[in-house]
Amino acid sequence: MVEYGNGIGEGAGGQVGGGGGGGAGVNSDWGAAIGHAANDAVNTLAALPAWQLALIVVLVIGGLIVLRRAF
């Protein structure tokens, strides 16, 4: 099955590769990926100083006002 990206995993010794190696035949867990992305975003926001959080809030509110006036 080398043509599907499983050349090492299907070697002479059985499961030589050990696990998913990121080939065409590997399934992706989209639910876990979305959960990890949300977790990373929350951790990033939690690590920001207070002045940066305040700046983000002001920019988001300003952006919402601009969108409201555009429509």
PDB file of N, CA and C in Angstrom:
ATOM      1  N   MET A   1       0.809  -1.192   0.000  1.00  0.00           N
ATOM      2  CA  MET A   1       0.000   0.000   0.000  1.00  0.00           C
ATOM      3  C   MET A   1       0.855   1.259   0.000  1.00  0.00           C
ATOM      4  N   VAL A   2       1.993   1.217  -0.642  1.00  0.00           N
ATOM      5  CA  VAL A   2       2.869   2.372  -0.666  1.00  0.00           C
ATOM      6  C   VAL A   2       2.211   3.529  -1.394  1.00  0.00           C
ATOM      7  N   GLU A   3       1.401   3.243  -2.391  1.00  0.00           N
ATOM      8  CA  GLU A   3       0.791   4.314  -3.161  1.00  0.00           C
ATOM      9  C   GLU A   3      -0.211   5.117  -2.355  1.00  0.00           C
ATOM     10  N   TYR A   4      -0.649   4.618  -1.189  1.00  0.00           N
ATOM     11  CA  TYR A   4      -1.582   5.353  -0.340  1.00  0.00           C
ATOM     12  C   TYR A   4      -0.891   5.963   0.870  1.00  0.00           C
ATOM     13  N   GLY A   5       0.423   6.017   0.894  1.00  0.00           N
ATOM     14  CA  GLY A   5       1.142   6.654   1.970  1.00  0.00           C
ATOM     15  C   GLY A   5       1.424   5.750   3.151  1.00  0.00           C
ATOM     16  N   ASN A   6       1.254   4.444   3.013  1.00  0.00           N
ATOM     17  CA  ASN A   6       1.457   3.523   4.124  1.00  0.00           C
ATOM     18  C   ASN A   6       2.668   2.625   3.905  1.00  0.00           C
ATOM     19  N   GLY A   7       3.704   3.118   3.269  1.00  0.00           N
ATOM     20  CA  GLY A   7       4.866   2.296   2.980  1.00  0.00           C
ATOM     21  C   GLY A   7       5.578   1.822   4.231  1.00  0.00           C
ATOM     22  N   ILE A   8       5.769   2.692   5.210  1.00  0.00           N
ATOM     23  CA  ILE A   8       6.469   2.322   6.435  1.00  0.00           C
ATOM     24  C   ILE A   8       5.554   1.518   7.353  1.00  0.00           C
ATOM     25  N   GLY A   9       4.306   1.924   7.487  1.00  0.00           N
ATOM     26  CA  GLY A   9       3.382   1.258   8.388  1.00  0.00           C
ATOM     27  C   GLY A   9       3.089  -0.172   7.994  1.00  0.00           C
ATOM     28  N   GLU A  10       3.219  -0.504   6.727  1.00  0.00           N
ATOM     29  CA  GLU A  10       2.928  -1.854   6.233  1.00  0.00           C
ATOM     30  C   GLU A  10       4.224  -2.582   5.891  1.00  0.00           C
ATOM     31  N   GLY A  11       5.299  -2.315   6.629  1.00  0.00           N
ATOM     32  CA  GLY A  11       6.607  -2.896   6.328  1.00  0.00           C
ATOM     33  C   GLY A  11       6.681  -4.382   6.643  1.00  0.00           C
ATOM     34  N   ALA A  12       7.874  -4.947   6.465  1.00  0.00           N
ATOM     35  CA  ALA A  12       8.076  -6.391   6.649  1.00  0.00           C
ATOM     36  C   ALA A  12       7.879  -6.820   8.091  1.00  0.00           C
ATOM     37  N   GLY A  13       8.097  -5.928   9.037  1.00  0.00           N
ATOM     38  CA  GLY A  13       7.949  -6.267  10.450  1.00  0.00           C
ATOM     39  C   GLY A  13       6.570  -5.993  10.999  1.00  0.00           C
ATOM     40  N   GLY A  14       5.592  -5.827  10.150  1.00  0.00           N
ATOM     41  CA  GLY A  14       4.245  -5.511  10.622  1.00  0.00           C
ATOM     42  C   GLY A  14       4.080  -4.020  10.768  1.00  0.00           C
ATOM     43  N   GLN A  15       3.601  -3.580  11.909  1.00  0.00           N
ATOM     44  CA  GLN A  15       3.412  -2.149  12.150  1.00  0.00           C
ATOM     45  C   GLN A  15       4.745  -1.521  12.540  1.00  0.00           C
ATOM     46  N   VAL A  16       5.573  -1.262  11.571  1.00  0.00           N
ATOM     47  CA  VAL A  16       6.881  -0.689  11.837  1.00  0.00           C
ATOM     48  C   VAL A  16       6.751   0.787  12.201  1.00  0.00           C
ATOM     49  N   GLY A  17       5.830   1.478  11.539  1.00  0.00           N
ATOM     50  CA  GLY A  17       5.708   2.922  11.734  1.00  0.00           C
ATOM     51  C   GLY A  17       5.140   3.313  13.076  1.00  0.00           C
ATOM     52  N   GLY A  18       4.328   2.505  13.679  1.00  0.00           N
ATOM     53  CA  GLY A  18       3.799   2.794  14.991  1.00  0.00           C
ATOM     54  C   GLY A  18       2.455   3.478  14.995  1.00  0.00           C
ATOM     55  N   GLY A  19       2.149   4.334  14.074  1.00  0.00           N
ATOM     56  CA  GLY A  19       0.862   5.021  14.098  1.00  0.00           C
ATOM     57  C   GLY A  19       0.711   5.925  12.907  1.00  0.00           C
ATOM     58  N   GLY A  20      -0.340   6.731  12.932  1.00  0.00           N
ATOM     59  CA  GLY A  20      -0.649   7.595  11.816  1.00  0.00           C
ATOM     60  C   GLY A  20       0.504   8.497  11.450  1.00  0.00           C
ATOM     61  N   GLY A  21       0.904   8.442  10.207  1.00  0.00           N
ATOM     62  CA  GLY A  21       2.039   9.222   9.770  1.00  0.00           C
ATOM     63  C   GLY A  21       1.678  10.397   8.909  1.00  0.00           C
ATOM     64  N   GLY A  22       0.418  10.684   8.760  1.00  0.00           N
ATOM     65  CA  GLY A  22       0.018  11.830   7.968  1.00  0.00           C
ATOM     66  C   GLY A  22       0.049  11.579   6.483  1.00  0.00           C
ATOM     67  N   GLY A  23      -0.552  10.530   6.045  1.00  0.00           N
ATOM     68  CA  GLY A  23      -0.613  10.234   4.622  1.00  0.00           C
ATOM     69  C   GLY A  23      -2.024  10.393   4.103  1.00  0.00           C
ATOM     70  N   ALA A  24      -2.241   9.945   2.872  1.00  0.00           N
ATOM     71  CA  ALA A  24      -3.555  10.069   2.264  1.00  0.00           C
ATOM     72  C   ALA A  24      -4.562   9.132   2.912  1.00  0.00           C
ATOM     73  N   GLY A  25      -4.111   8.046   3.506  1.00  0.00           N
ATOM     74  CA  GLY A  25      -5.026   7.088   4.090  1.00  0.00           C
ATOM     75  C   GLY A  25      -5.310   7.319   5.557  1.00  0.00           C
ATOM     76  N   VAL A  26      -4.832   8.419   6.133  1.00  0.00           N
ATOM     77  CA  VAL A  26      -5.016   8.678   7.557  1.00  0.00           C
ATOM     78  C   VAL A  26      -6.252   9.532   7.755  1.00  0.00           C
ATOM     79  N   ASN A  27      -7.132   9.104   8.683  1.00  0.00           N
ATOM     80  CA  ASN A  27      -8.328   9.877   8.998  1.00  0.00           C
ATOM     81  C   ASN A  27      -7.986  11.030   9.923  1.00  0.00           C
ATOM     82  N   SER A  28      -8.618  12.171   9.683  1.00  0.00           N
ATOM     83  CA  SER A  28      -8.423  13.336  10.538  1.00  0.00           C
ATOM     84  C   SER A  28      -9.622  13.481  11.460  1.00  0.00           C
ATOM     85  N   ASP A  29      -9.367  13.811  12.704  1.00  0.00           N
ATOM     86  CA  ASP A  29     -10.430  14.026  13.667  1.00  0.00           C
ATOM     87  C   ASP A  29     -10.734  15.520  13.719  1.00  0.00           C
ATOM     88  N   TRP A  30     -11.716  15.952  12.916  1.00  0.00           N
ATOM     89  CA  TRP A  30     -12.034  17.367  12.815  1.00  0.00           C
ATOM     90  C   TRP A  30     -12.581  17.920  14.115  1.00  0.00           C
ATOM     91  N   GLY A  31     -13.342  17.125  14.851  1.00  0.00           N
ATOM     92  CA  GLY A  31     -13.877  17.593  16.125  1.00  0.00           C
ATOM     93  C   GLY A  31     -12.776  17.922  17.107  1.00  0.00           C
ATOM     94  N   ALA A  32     -11.768  17.066  17.176  1.00  0.00           N
ATOM     95  CA  ALA A  32     -10.641  17.326  18.073  1.00  0.00           C
ATOM     96  C   ALA A  32      -9.837  18.531  17.603  1.00  0.00           C
ATOM     97  N   ALA A  33      -9.684  18.688  16.293  1.00  0.00           N
ATOM     98  CA  ALA A  33      -8.930  19.824  15.766  1.00  0.00           C
ATOM     99  C   ALA A  33      -9.622  21.146  16.101  1.00  0.00           C
ATOM    100  N   ILE A  34     -10.951  21.170  16.000  1.00  0.00           N
ATOM    101  CA  ILE A  34     -11.688  22.387  16.333  1.00  0.00           C
ATOM    102  C   ILE A  34     -11.590  22.669  17.828  1.00  0.00           C
ATOM    103  N   GLY A  35     -11.669  21.613  18.627  1.00  0.00           N
ATOM    104  CA  GLY A  35     -11.535  21.780  20.069  1.00  0.00           C
ATOM    105  C   GLY A  35     -10.163  22.304  20.465  1.00  0.00           C
ATOM    106  N   HIS A  36      -9.115  21.788  19.815  1.00  0.00           N
ATOM    107  CA  HIS A  36      -7.760  22.264  20.098  1.00  0.00           C
ATOM    108  C   HIS A  36      -7.591  23.721  19.669  1.00  0.00           C
ATOM    109  N   ALA A  37      -8.189  24.094  18.541  1.00  0.00           N
ATOM    110  CA  ALA A  37      -8.085  25.481  18.073  1.00  0.00           C
ATOM    111  C   ALA A  37      -8.783  26.431  19.046  1.00  0.00           C
ATOM    112  N   ALA A  38      -9.957  26.041  19.540  1.00  0.00           N
ATOM    113  CA  ALA A  38     -10.668  26.876  20.509  1.00  0.00           C
ATOM    114  C   ALA A  38      -9.880  26.972  21.812  1.00  0.00           C
ATOM    115  N   ASN A  39      -9.310  25.864  22.243  1.00  0.00           N
ATOM    116  CA  ASN A  39      -8.515  25.865  23.467  1.00  0.00           C
ATOM    117  C   ASN A  39      -7.290  26.766  23.326  1.00  0.00           C
ATOM    118  N   ASP A  40      -6.628  26.708  22.176  1.00  0.00           N
ATOM    119  CA  ASP A  40      -5.465  27.564  21.938  1.00  0.00           C
ATOM    120  C   ASP A  40      -5.861  29.049  21.929  1.00  0.00           C
ATOM    121  N   ALA A  41      -7.031  29.362  21.349  1.00  0.00           N
ATOM    122  CA  ALA A  41      -7.485  30.750  21.312  1.00  0.00           C
ATOM    123  C   ALA A  41      -7.777  31.263  22.719  1.00  0.00           C
ATOM    124  N   VAL A  42      -8.419  30.448  23.543  1.00  0.00           N
ATOM    125  CA  VAL A  42      -8.710  30.855  24.921  1.00  0.00           C
ATOM    126  C   VAL A  42      -7.420  31.037  25.710  1.00  0.00           C
ATOM    127  N   ASN A  43      -6.468  30.132  25.528  1.00  0.00           N
ATOM    128  CA  ASN A  43      -5.189  30.260  26.231  1.00  0.00           C
ATOM    129  C   ASN A  43      -4.426  31.510  25.797  1.00  0.00           C
ATOM    130  N   THR A  44      -4.504  31.845  24.524  1.00  0.00           N
ATOM    131  CA  THR A  44      -3.839  33.043  24.029  1.00  0.00           C
ATOM    132  C   THR A  44      -4.462  34.293  24.637  1.00  0.00           C
ATOM    133  N   LEU A  45      -5.798  34.346  24.671  1.00  0.00           N
ATOM    134  CA  LEU A  45      -6.471  35.500  25.268  1.00  0.00           C
ATOM    135  C   LEU A  45      -6.190  35.596  26.762  1.00  0.00           C
ATOM    136  N   ALA A  46      -6.116  34.471  27.434  1.00  0.00           N
ATOM    137  CA  ALA A  46      -5.862  34.480  28.875  1.00  0.00           C
ATOM    138  C   ALA A  46      -4.451  34.966  29.193  1.00  0.00           C
ATOM    139  N   ALA A  47      -3.534  34.821  28.272  1.00  0.00           N
ATOM    140  CA  ALA A  47      -2.149  35.220  28.504  1.00  0.00           C
ATOM    141  C   ALA A  47      -1.879  36.683  28.164  1.00  0.00           C
ATOM    142  N   LEU A  48      -2.859  37.376  27.569  1.00  0.00           N
ATOM    143  CA  LEU A  48      -2.640  38.769  27.179  1.00  0.00           C
ATOM    144  C   LEU A  48      -2.726  39.693  28.386  1.00  0.00           C
ATOM    145  N   PRO A  49      -1.952  40.779  28.371  1.00  0.00           N
ATOM    146  CA  PRO A  49      -2.072  41.783  29.429  1.00  0.00           C
ATOM    147  C   PRO A  49      -3.411  42.527  29.334  1.00  0.00           C
ATOM    148  N   ALA A  50      -3.781  43.188  30.412  1.00  0.00           N
ATOM    149  CA  ALA A  50      -5.082  43.858  30.480  1.00  0.00           C
ATOM    150  C   ALA A  50      -5.225  44.946  29.413  1.00  0.00           C
ATOM    151  N   TRP A  51      -4.160  45.683  29.119  1.00  0.00           N
ATOM    152  CA  TRP A  51      -4.276  46.767  28.142  1.00  0.00           C
ATOM    153  C   TRP A  51      -4.530  46.226  26.741  1.00  0.00           C
ATOM    154  N   GLN A  52      -3.980  45.056  26.432  1.00  0.00           N
ATOM    155  CA  GLN A  52      -4.238  44.469  25.118  1.00  0.00           C
ATOM    156  C   GLN A  52      -5.666  43.934  25.024  1.00  0.00           C
ATOM    157  N   LEU A  53      -6.168  43.366  26.110  1.00  0.00           N
ATOM    158  CA  LEU A  53      -7.558  42.912  26.109  1.00  0.00           C
ATOM    159  C   LEU A  53      -8.510  44.088  25.934  1.00  0.00           C
ATOM    160  N   ALA A  54      -8.221  45.204  26.617  1.00  0.00           N
ATOM    161  CA  ALA A  54      -9.051  46.396  26.476  1.00  0.00           C
ATOM    162  C   ALA A  54      -9.002  46.930  25.050  1.00  0.00           C
ATOM    163  N   LEU A  55      -7.819  46.902  24.437  1.00  0.00           N
ATOM    164  CA  LEU A  55      -7.683  47.354  23.058  1.00  0.00           C
ATOM    165  C   LEU A  55      -8.490  46.470  22.105  1.00  0.00           C
ATOM    166  N   ILE A  56      -8.465  45.170  22.331  1.00  0.00           N
ATOM    167  CA  ILE A  56      -9.240  44.239  21.492  1.00  0.00           C
ATOM    168  C   ILE A  56     -10.728  44.525  21.629  1.00  0.00           C
ATOM    169  N   VAL A  57     -11.199  44.769  22.859  1.00  0.00           N
ATOM    170  CA  VAL A  57     -12.620  45.065  23.074  1.00  0.00           C
ATOM    171  C   VAL A  57     -13.014  46.345  22.342  1.00  0.00           C
ATOM    172  N   VAL A  58     -12.185  47.378  22.431  1.00  0.00           N
ATOM    173  CA  VAL A  58     -12.472  48.638  21.752  1.00  0.00           C
ATOM    174  C   VAL A  58     -12.493  48.438  20.240  1.00  0.00           C
ATOM    175  N   LEU A  59     -11.548  47.676  19.711  1.00  0.00           N
ATOM    176  CA  LEU A  59     -11.507  47.433  18.264  1.00  0.00           C
ATOM    177  C   LEU A  59     -12.704  46.623  17.782  1.00  0.00           C
ATOM    178  N   VAL A  60     -13.118  45.621  18.560  1.00  0.00           N
ATOM    179  CA  VAL A  60     -14.286  44.815  18.174  1.00  0.00           C
ATOM    180  C   VAL A  60     -15.545  45.673  18.178  1.00  0.00           C
ATOM    181  N   ILE A  61     -15.724  46.494  19.219  1.00  0.00           N
ATOM    182  CA  ILE A  61     -16.904  47.369  19.271  1.00  0.00           C
ATOM    183  C   ILE A  61     -16.866  48.374  18.124  1.00  0.00           C
ATOM    184  N   GLY A  62     -15.696  48.941  17.853  1.00  0.00           N
ATOM    185  CA  GLY A  62     -15.573  49.870  16.723  1.00  0.00           C
ATOM    186  C   GLY A  62     -15.869  49.194  15.397  1.00  0.00           C
ATOM    187  N   GLY A  63     -15.408  47.962  15.230  1.00  0.00           N
ATOM    188  CA  GLY A  63     -15.702  47.226  14.001  1.00  0.00           C
ATOM    189  C   GLY A  63     -17.178  46.930  13.838  1.00  0.00           C
ATOM    190  N   LEU A  64     -17.847  46.611  14.951  1.00  0.00           N
ATOM    191  CA  LEU A  64     -19.293  46.364  14.882  1.00  0.00           C
ATOM    192  C   LEU A  64     -20.060  47.636  14.524  1.00  0.00           C
ATOM    193  N   ILE A  65     -19.612  48.796  15.027  1.00  0.00           N
ATOM    194  CA  ILE A  65     -20.253  50.053  14.682  1.00  0.00           C
ATOM    195  C   ILE A  65     -20.066  50.353  13.194  1.00  0.00           C
ATOM    196  N   VAL A  66     -18.867  50.116  12.677  1.00  0.00           N
ATOM    197  CA  VAL A  66     -18.611  50.352  11.249  1.00  0.00           C
ATOM    198  C   VAL A  66     -19.461  49.413  10.401  1.00  0.00           C
ATOM    199  N   LEU A  67     -19.571  48.145  10.792  1.00  0.00           N
ATOM    200  CA  LEU A  67     -20.425  47.214  10.033  1.00  0.00           C
ATOM    201  C   LEU A  67     -21.888  47.612  10.076  1.00  0.00           C
ATOM    202  N   ARG A  68     -22.333  48.095  11.217  1.00  0.00           N
ATOM    203  CA  ARG A  68     -23.740  48.501  11.337  1.00  0.00           C
ATOM    204  C   ARG A  68     -24.047  49.667  10.407  1.00  0.00           C
ATOM    205  N   ARG A  69     -23.101  50.613  10.323  1.00  0.00           N
ATOM    206  CA  ARG A  69     -23.330  51.765   9.451  1.00  0.00           C
ATOM    207  C   ARG A  69     -23.204  51.392   7.973  1.00  0.00           C
ATOM    208  N   ALA A  70     -22.419  50.346   7.683  1.00  0.00           N
ATOM    209  CA  ALA A  70     -22.246  49.936   6.281  1.00  0.00           C
ATOM    210  C   ALA A  70     -23.504  49.279   5.742  1.00  0.00           C
ATOM    211  N   PHE A  71     -24.260  48.623   6.626  1.00  0.00           N
ATOM    212  CA  PHE A  71     -25.474  47.953   6.167  1.00  0.00           C
ATOM    213  C   PHE A  71     -26.634  48.743   6.596  1.00  0.00           C
TER     214      PHE A  71
END
